[in-house]
C-alpha atoms as a PDB file:
ATOM      1  CA  MET A   1     -27.446  86.905  20.323  1.00  0.00           C
ATOM      2  CA  VAL A   2     -27.047  86.247  16.623  1.00  0.00           C
ATOM      3  CA  VAL A   3     -27.899  89.165  14.331  1.00  0.00           C
ATOM      4  CA  PHE A   4     -27.768  89.492  10.541  1.00  0.00           C
ATOM      5  CA  LYS A   5     -26.447  92.742   9.086  1.00  0.00           C
ATOM      6  CA  ASP A   6     -29.537  93.138   6.873  1.00  0.00           C
ATOM      7  CA  PHE A   7     -31.748  93.341   9.983  1.00  0.00           C
ATOM      8  CA  PHE A   8     -30.536  96.919  10.454  1.00  0.00           C
ATOM      9  CA  PRO A   9     -31.627  98.287   7.028  1.00  0.00           C
ATOM     10  CA  ALA A  10     -34.944  96.542   7.831  1.00  0.00           C
ATOM     11  CA  ARG A  11     -35.181  98.767  10.962  1.00  0.00           C
ATOM     12  CA  LEU A  12     -34.001  96.573  13.861  1.00  0.00           C
ATOM     13  CA  ARG A  13     -32.649  98.786  16.637  1.00  0.00           C
ATOM     14  CA  PHE A  14     -31.155  98.134  20.076  1.00  0.00           C
ATOM     15  CA  PRO A  15     -32.126  98.205  22.808  1.00  0.00           C
ATOM     16  CA  LEU A  16     -35.310  96.413  21.834  1.00  0.00           C
ATOM     17  CA  ASP A  17     -38.576  97.796  23.100  1.00  0.00           C
ATOM     18  CA  PRO A  18     -39.827  95.406  25.835  1.00  0.00           C
ATOM     19  CA  THR A  19     -42.971  94.826  23.755  1.00  0.00           C
ATOM     20  CA  VAL A  20     -40.844  93.448  20.909  1.00  0.00           C
ATOM     21  CA  VAL A  21     -39.222  91.022  23.348  1.00  0.00           C
ATOM     22  CA  ASP A  22     -42.701  89.965  24.524  1.00  0.00           C
ATOM     23  CA  ILE A  23     -43.873  89.491  20.924  1.00  0.00           C
ATOM     24  CA  PHE A  24     -40.990  87.126  20.204  1.00  0.00           C
ATOM     25  CA  ALA A  25     -41.624  85.258  23.459  1.00  0.00           C
ATOM     26  CA  ARG A  26     -45.332  84.867  22.609  1.00  0.00           C
ATOM     27  CA  TYR A  27     -44.452  83.080  19.367  1.00  0.00           C
ATOM     28  CA  GLY A  28     -41.508  81.157  20.855  1.00  0.00           C
ATOM     29  CA  ILE A  29     -39.080  82.527  18.272  1.00  0.00           C
ATOM     30  CA  PHE A  30     -35.699  84.265  18.386  1.00  0.00           C
ATOM     31  CA  LEU A  31     -33.974  86.893  16.264  1.00  0.00           C
ATOM     32  CA  HIS A  32     -31.941  84.378  14.294  1.00  0.00           C
ATOM     33  CA  HIS A  33     -35.121  82.601  13.165  1.00  0.00           C
ATOM     34  CA  MET A  34     -36.427  85.670  11.381  1.00  0.00           C
ATOM     35  CA  THR A  35     -36.015  87.124   7.893  1.00  0.00           C
ATOM     36  CA  PRO A  36     -35.194  90.833   7.490  1.00  0.00           C
ATOM     37  CA  ASN A  37     -38.791  91.611   6.441  1.00  0.00           C
ATOM     38  CA  SER A  38     -39.957  90.593   9.922  1.00  0.00           C
ATOM     39  CA  PHE A  39     -38.465  93.728  11.414  1.00  0.00           C
ATOM     40  CA  ALA A  40     -40.122  95.957   8.851  1.00  0.00           C
ATOM     41  CA  ARG A  41     -43.479  94.502   9.973  1.00  0.00           C
ATOM     42  CA  VAL A  42     -42.705  94.820  13.689  1.00  0.00           C
ATOM     43  CA  ASN A  43     -41.586  98.398  13.062  1.00  0.00           C
ATOM     44  CA  LEU A  44     -44.834  99.120  11.187  1.00  0.00           C
ATOM     45  CA  PHE A  45     -46.883  97.704  14.061  1.00  0.00           C
ATOM     46  CA  MET A  46     -44.968  99.698  16.686  1.00  0.00           C
ATOM     47  CA  TRP A  47     -45.235 102.898  14.646  1.00  0.00           C
ATOM     48  CA  LEU A  48     -48.970 102.478  14.005  1.00  0.00           C
ATOM     49  CA  SER A  49     -49.665 101.658  17.651  1.00  0.00           C
ATOM     50  CA  LYS A  50     -47.746 104.633  18.983  1.00  0.00           C
ATOM     51  CA  THR A  51     -49.093 107.008  16.318  1.00  0.00           C
ATOM     52  CA  CYS A  52     -52.658 106.008  17.229  1.00  0.00           C
ATOM     53  CA  ARG A  53     -51.786 106.285  20.939  1.00  0.00           C
ATOM     54  CA  LEU A  54     -52.509 102.616  21.536  1.00  0.00           C
ATOM     55  CA  ALA A  55     -50.421 100.439  23.797  1.00  0.00           C
ATOM     56  CA  PRO A  56     -48.340  98.115  21.619  1.00  0.00           C
ATOM     57  CA  THR A  57     -48.891  94.676  23.134  1.00  0.00           C
ATOM     58  CA  PRO A  58     -48.185  91.115  22.011  1.00  0.00           C
ATOM     59  CA  GLU A  59     -51.944  90.497  22.030  1.00  0.00           C
ATOM     60  CA  ASN A  60     -52.587  93.400  19.658  1.00  0.00           C
ATOM     61  CA  PHE A  61     -49.733  92.257  17.447  1.00  0.00           C
ATOM     62  CA  ALA A  62     -51.207  88.730  17.305  1.00  0.00           C
ATOM     63  CA  ARG A  63     -54.556  90.168  16.185  1.00  0.00           C
ATOM     64  CA  VAL A  64     -53.007  91.449  12.970  1.00  0.00           C
ATOM     65  CA  MET A  65     -49.883  89.319  12.477  1.00  0.00           C
ATOM     66  CA  ARG A  66     -49.020  85.649  12.300  1.00  0.00           C
ATOM     67  CA  VAL A  67     -45.739  83.800  11.969  1.00  0.00           C
ATOM     68  CA  HIS A  68     -45.195  82.439   8.477  1.00  0.00           C
ATOM     69  CA  TYR A  69     -42.698  79.621   7.893  1.00  0.00           C
ATOM     70  CA  GLN A  70     -40.648  80.038   4.733  1.00  0.00           C
ATOM     71  CA  PRO A  71     -38.745  76.834   4.037  1.00  0.00           C
ATOM     72  CA  LYS A  72     -35.390  77.351   2.413  1.00  0.00           C
ATOM     73  CA  SER A  73     -32.628  75.103   1.197  1.00  0.00           C
ATOM     74  CA  ILE A  74     -28.932  75.772   1.317  1.00  0.00           C
ATOM     75  CA  PHE A  75     -26.127  73.788  -0.224  1.00  0.00           C
ATOM     76  CA  VAL A  76     -23.166  72.843   1.932  1.00  0.00           C
ATOM     77  CA  HIS A  77     -20.029  72.104  -0.054  1.00  0.00           C
ATOM     78  CA  GLY A  78     -17.734  69.420   1.300  1.00  0.00           C
ATOM     79  CA  SER A  79     -13.951  69.358   1.001  1.00  0.00           C
ATOM     80  CA  ASP A  80     -14.257  66.499  -1.497  1.00  0.00           C
ATOM     81  CA  GLY A  81     -16.231  68.719  -3.921  1.00  0.00           C
ATOM     82  CA  THR A  82     -19.652  67.237  -3.182  1.00  0.00           C
ATOM     83  CA  SER A  83     -22.539  69.406  -2.088  1.00  0.00           C
ATOM     84  CA  THR A  84     -25.428  68.462   0.158  1.00  0.00           C
ATOM     85  CA  GLU A  85     -28.806  70.182   0.313  1.00  0.00           C
ATOM     86  CA  MET A  86     -29.778  71.103   3.872  1.00  0.00           C
ATOM     87  CA  GLU A  87     -32.413  73.153   5.690  1.00  0.00           C
ATOM     88  CA  PRO A  88     -30.975  76.119   7.621  1.00  0.00           C
ATOM     89  CA  GLN A  89     -31.905  76.811  11.223  1.00  0.00           C
ATOM     90  CA  TYR A  90     -32.037  80.571  10.718  1.00  0.00           C
ATOM     91  CA  GLY A  91     -33.972  83.071   8.627  1.00  0.00           C
ATOM     92  CA  CYS A  92     -36.922  80.746   8.017  1.00  0.00           C
ATOM     93  CA  TYR A  93     -39.764  82.722   9.606  1.00  0.00           C
ATOM     94  CA  THR A  94     -41.385  86.052   8.914  1.00  0.00           C
ATOM     95  CA  PHE A  95     -44.381  87.939  10.203  1.00  0.00           C
ATOM     96  CA  ALA A  96     -47.309  88.087   7.801  1.00  0.00           C
ATOM     97  CA  PHE A  97     -50.667  89.779   8.148  1.00  0.00           C
ATOM     98  CA  GLN A  98     -53.484  87.571   9.401  1.00  0.00           C
ATOM     99  CA  HIS A  99     -55.743  86.459   6.550  1.00  0.00           C
ATOM    100  CA  THR A 100     -58.651  88.240   8.245  1.00  0.00           C
ATOM    101  CA  ALA A 101     -56.775  91.480   9.024  1.00  0.00           C
ATOM    102  CA  PRO A 102     -56.747  94.382   6.611  1.00  0.00           C
ATOM    103  CA  SER A 103     -53.192  95.477   5.955  1.00  0.00           C
ATOM    104  CA  PRO A 104     -52.350  99.134   5.464  1.00  0.00           C
ATOM    105  CA  VAL A 105     -49.814  98.396   2.724  1.00  0.00           C
ATOM    106  CA  GLY A 106     -49.034  94.867   1.580  1.00  0.00           C
ATOM    107  CA  VAL A 107     -45.498  95.429   0.357  1.00  0.00           C
ATOM    108  CA  SER A 108     -42.108  94.175   1.446  1.00  0.00           C
ATOM    109  CA  LYS A 109     -38.717  93.636  -0.026  1.00  0.00           C
ATOM    110  CA  ASN A 110     -38.872  90.135  -1.498  1.00  0.00           C
ATOM    111  CA  LYS A 111     -35.368  89.902  -2.888  1.00  0.00           C
ATOM    112  CA  TRP A 112     -32.602  90.471  -0.360  1.00  0.00           C
ATOM    113  CA  PRO A 113     -29.050  89.852  -1.547  1.00  0.00           C
ATOM    114  CA  GLY A 114     -28.623  86.106  -2.125  1.00  0.00           C
ATOM    115  CA  ASP A 115     -25.991  85.800   0.560  1.00  0.00           C
ATOM    116  CA  TRP A 116     -27.780  87.875   3.242  1.00  0.00           C
ATOM    117  CA  SER A 117     -27.636  85.003   5.703  1.00  0.00           C
ATOM    118  CA  SER A 118     -23.852  84.743   5.462  1.00  0.00           C
ATOM    119  CA  PHE A 119     -23.439  88.164   7.082  1.00  0.00           C
ATOM    120  CA  TRP A 120     -24.275  87.320  10.670  1.00  0.00           C
ATOM    121  CA  PHE A 121     -22.475  88.397  13.799  1.00  0.00           C
ATOM    122  CA  TYR A 122     -22.876  88.259  17.539  1.00  0.00           C
ATOM    123  CA  HIS A 123     -24.238  91.242  19.430  1.00  0.00           C
ATOM    124  CA  LYS A 124     -23.644  91.255  23.174  1.00  0.00           C
ATOM    125  CA  VAL A 125     -26.483  92.559  25.310  1.00  0.00           C
ATOM    126  CA  PRO A 126     -25.365  93.287  28.892  1.00  0.00           C
ATOM    127  CA  LEU A 127     -27.225  91.932  31.901  1.00  0.00           C
ATOM    128  CA  ASP A 128     -29.765  94.150  33.575  1.00  0.00           C
ATOM    129  CA  PRO A 129     -27.927  95.622  36.617  1.00  0.00           C
ATOM    130  CA  GLU A 130     -30.952  95.289  38.906  1.00  0.00           C
ATOM    131  CA  THR A 131     -32.213  91.804  38.063  1.00  0.00           C
ATOM    132  CA  LYS A 132     -28.871  90.348  36.898  1.00  0.00           C
ATOM    133  CA  ARG A 133     -30.817  88.785  34.025  1.00  0.00           C
ATOM    134  CA  HIS A 134     -30.520  89.142  30.321  1.00  0.00           C
ATOM    135  CA  PRO A 135     -33.123  91.767  29.270  1.00  0.00           C
ATOM    136  CA  LEU A 136     -34.232  89.641  26.296  1.00  0.00           C
ATOM    137  CA  VAL A 137     -35.003  86.577  28.430  1.00  0.00           C
ATOM    138  CA  VAL A 138     -38.595  86.394  29.564  1.00  0.00           C
END
């Protein structure tokens, strides 16, 4: 899987809780689609659910959160010195509170380092020994 280094200061941890995998599957999104703030919101949801002794479920998450598309543009520089504006295929979505849901604290880090998306790497997740499937595949 593709992971950005700034996901970790935003509280992404492995192995992922199965509920987090189910949340991503519900929305049809993957880790590389998300901004770092997404993980702060998932972490908040998981913490609140477990603190209140509620089962964290994708349905409960969907009651308070929605996926928000954040269009971005990047410039790709060619060898001839020209640059072309393009839309990236990563880091374009975040979780935002539903308009009807009260949010405990409406803050997030809005300004990550300008080159946060250039620090990506691959993280290998081994197959589940019992099912012989990737644990992040639903």
